Amino acid sequence: MPAPPPSWRRLAGVAFVLALTGGAVVALWPADGAPPPFPHVDKLAHALGFAVLWALGRAAGVRPLPLALGLLAYGAAIEGLQALTPTREASWADWLADGAGLLLGHALLARGAPRRL
């Protein structure tokens, strides 16, 4: 992936930090107990969220290995913190969905941006 201009990297870095912060807040916010709209919607949300985090991190200039390890640690920390809350629970499957999202984000970026006609 070619490096974006410095101003875009800075903007992506801010968006990356905001997404990490927002993700942690949403993940630790008390659950409302409503049934999910369809089975495993939370796994899909994990995968898509981490694909977006991957894209933002790469656009901010974070190298792939530190980004992957850092986001996996972030996902594990969120799961660990959820185990300490009364309305949330930790899940290995959620953490695996985080990893799947990283692979998805990597695969999509590796394909490159669509070419203009």
Protein backbone atom coordinates (compact mmCIF):
# COMPACT_ATOMS: atom_id res chain seq x y z
CA MET A 1 0.00 0.00 0.00
CA PRO A 2 1.56 3.33 -1.00
CA ALA A 3 2.06 5.78 1.84
CA PRO A 4 -0.60 8.51 2.04
CA PRO A 5 0.49 12.15 2.28
CA PRO A 6 1.45 13.34 5.80
CA SER A 7 -1.78 15.31 6.27
CA TRP A 8 -3.83 12.17 5.51
CA ARG A 9 -1.66 10.10 7.86
CA ARG A 10 -2.28 12.62 10.63
CA LEU A 11 -6.04 12.59 9.98
CA ALA A 12 -6.04 8.77 9.85
CA GLY A 13 -4.11 8.70 13.14
CA VAL A 14 -6.71 10.88 14.83
CA ALA A 15 -9.52 8.72 13.39
CA PHE A 16 -7.68 5.59 14.56
CA VAL A 17 -7.42 6.85 18.15
CA LEU A 18 -11.06 7.96 18.12
CA ALA A 19 -12.14 4.56 16.77
CA LEU A 20 -10.12 2.74 19.45
CA THR A 21 -11.64 4.93 22.15
CA GLY A 22 -15.17 4.64 20.77
CA GLY A 23 -14.82 0.89 20.39
CA ALA A 24 -13.76 0.51 24.01
CA VAL A 25 -16.64 2.67 25.23
CA VAL A 26 -19.21 0.72 23.18
CA ALA A 27 -17.73 -2.63 24.22
CA LEU A 28 -17.85 -1.74 27.92
CA TRP A 29 -21.17 0.13 27.93
CA PRO A 30 -23.81 -1.80 29.88
CA ALA A 31 -25.70 -4.20 27.63
CA ASP A 32 -29.40 -3.49 27.25
CA GLY A 33 -30.39 -7.16 27.11
CA ALA A 34 -32.22 -6.82 23.80
CA PRO A 35 -32.01 -9.90 21.57
CA PRO A 36 -29.70 -9.56 18.56
CA PRO A 37 -31.34 -8.92 15.17
CA PHE A 38 -29.82 -12.14 13.81
CA PRO A 39 -27.52 -14.87 15.15
CA HIS A 40 -23.83 -13.98 15.46
CA VAL A 41 -24.35 -10.31 14.59
CA ASP A 42 -21.79 -9.51 17.30
CA LYS A 43 -19.13 -11.58 15.50
CA LEU A 44 -19.83 -9.67 12.29
CA ALA A 45 -19.54 -6.38 14.20
CA HIS A 46 -16.21 -7.48 15.68
CA ALA A 47 -14.82 -8.49 12.29
CA LEU A 48 -15.96 -5.32 10.51
CA GLY A 49 -14.82 -3.10 13.36
CA PHE A 50 -11.35 -4.60 13.37
CA ALA A 51 -11.14 -4.42 9.57
CA VAL A 52 -11.80 -0.68 9.90
CA LEU A 53 -9.24 -0.37 12.70
CA TRP A 54 -6.71 -2.16 10.48
CA ALA A 55 -7.38 0.23 7.59
CA LEU A 56 -7.13 3.31 9.80
CA GLY A 57 -3.95 2.07 11.47
CA ARG A 58 -2.29 1.33 8.14
CA ALA A 59 -3.41 4.70 6.72
CA ALA A 60 -1.87 6.32 9.80
CA GLY A 61 1.43 4.63 8.92
CA VAL A 62 1.53 1.90 11.56
CA ARG A 63 3.58 -1.05 10.32
CA PRO A 64 1.64 -4.32 9.84
CA LEU A 65 3.18 -6.52 12.55
CA PRO A 66 2.99 -3.98 15.40
CA LEU A 67 -0.52 -3.04 14.27
CA ALA A 68 -1.71 -6.66 14.23
CA LEU A 69 -0.16 -7.45 17.62
CA GLY A 70 -1.43 -4.22 19.15
CA LEU A 71 -4.97 -4.70 17.88
CA LEU A 72 -5.03 -8.33 19.03
CA ALA A 73 -3.88 -7.17 22.48
CA TYR A 74 -6.54 -4.42 22.41
CA GLY A 75 -9.22 -7.01 21.58
CA ALA A 76 -8.00 -9.33 24.35
CA ALA A 77 -7.99 -6.44 26.83
CA ILE A 78 -11.56 -5.52 25.89
CA GLU A 79 -12.66 -9.14 26.39
CA GLY A 80 -10.88 -9.24 29.74
CA LEU A 81 -12.54 -6.03 30.87
CA GLN A 82 -15.93 -7.25 29.71
CA ALA A 83 -15.52 -10.26 32.02
CA LEU A 84 -15.38 -7.79 34.92
CA THR A 85 -18.66 -6.08 34.04
CA PRO A 86 -22.07 -7.28 35.25
CA THR A 87 -23.83 -7.02 31.87
CA ARG A 88 -21.09 -8.19 29.48
CA GLU A 89 -19.15 -11.42 29.10
CA ALA A 90 -15.78 -12.32 27.64
CA SER A 91 -15.72 -14.54 24.58
CA TRP A 92 -12.89 -16.31 22.79
CA ALA A 93 -15.10 -16.32 19.69
CA ASP A 94 -15.28 -12.52 19.79
CA TRP A 95 -11.49 -12.33 19.97
CA LEU A 96 -11.20 -14.73 17.03
CA ALA A 97 -13.65 -12.54 15.11
CA ASP A 98 -11.33 -9.59 15.88
CA GLY A 99 -8.48 -11.53 14.26
CA ALA A 100 -10.66 -12.40 11.28
CA GLY A 101 -11.37 -8.70 10.89
CA LEU A 102 -7.65 -7.96 10.79
CA LEU A 103 -7.23 -10.55 8.04
CA LEU A 104 -10.19 -9.08 6.18
CA GLY A 105 -8.80 -5.55 6.45
CA HIS A 106 -5.39 -6.71 5.28
CA ALA A 107 -6.89 -8.61 2.33
CA LEU A 108 -9.02 -5.67 1.24
CA LEU A 109 -6.11 -3.24 1.41
CA ALA A 110 -3.82 -5.69 -0.38
CA ARG A 111 -6.22 -5.66 -3.33
CA GLY A 112 -5.68 -1.93 -3.63
CA ALA A 113 -8.10 0.83 -4.38
CA PRO A 114 -10.48 0.38 -7.32
CA ARG A 115 -9.19 1.78 -10.55
CA ARG A 116 -11.03 4.61 -12.23
CA LEU A 117 -12.45 4.00 -15.67
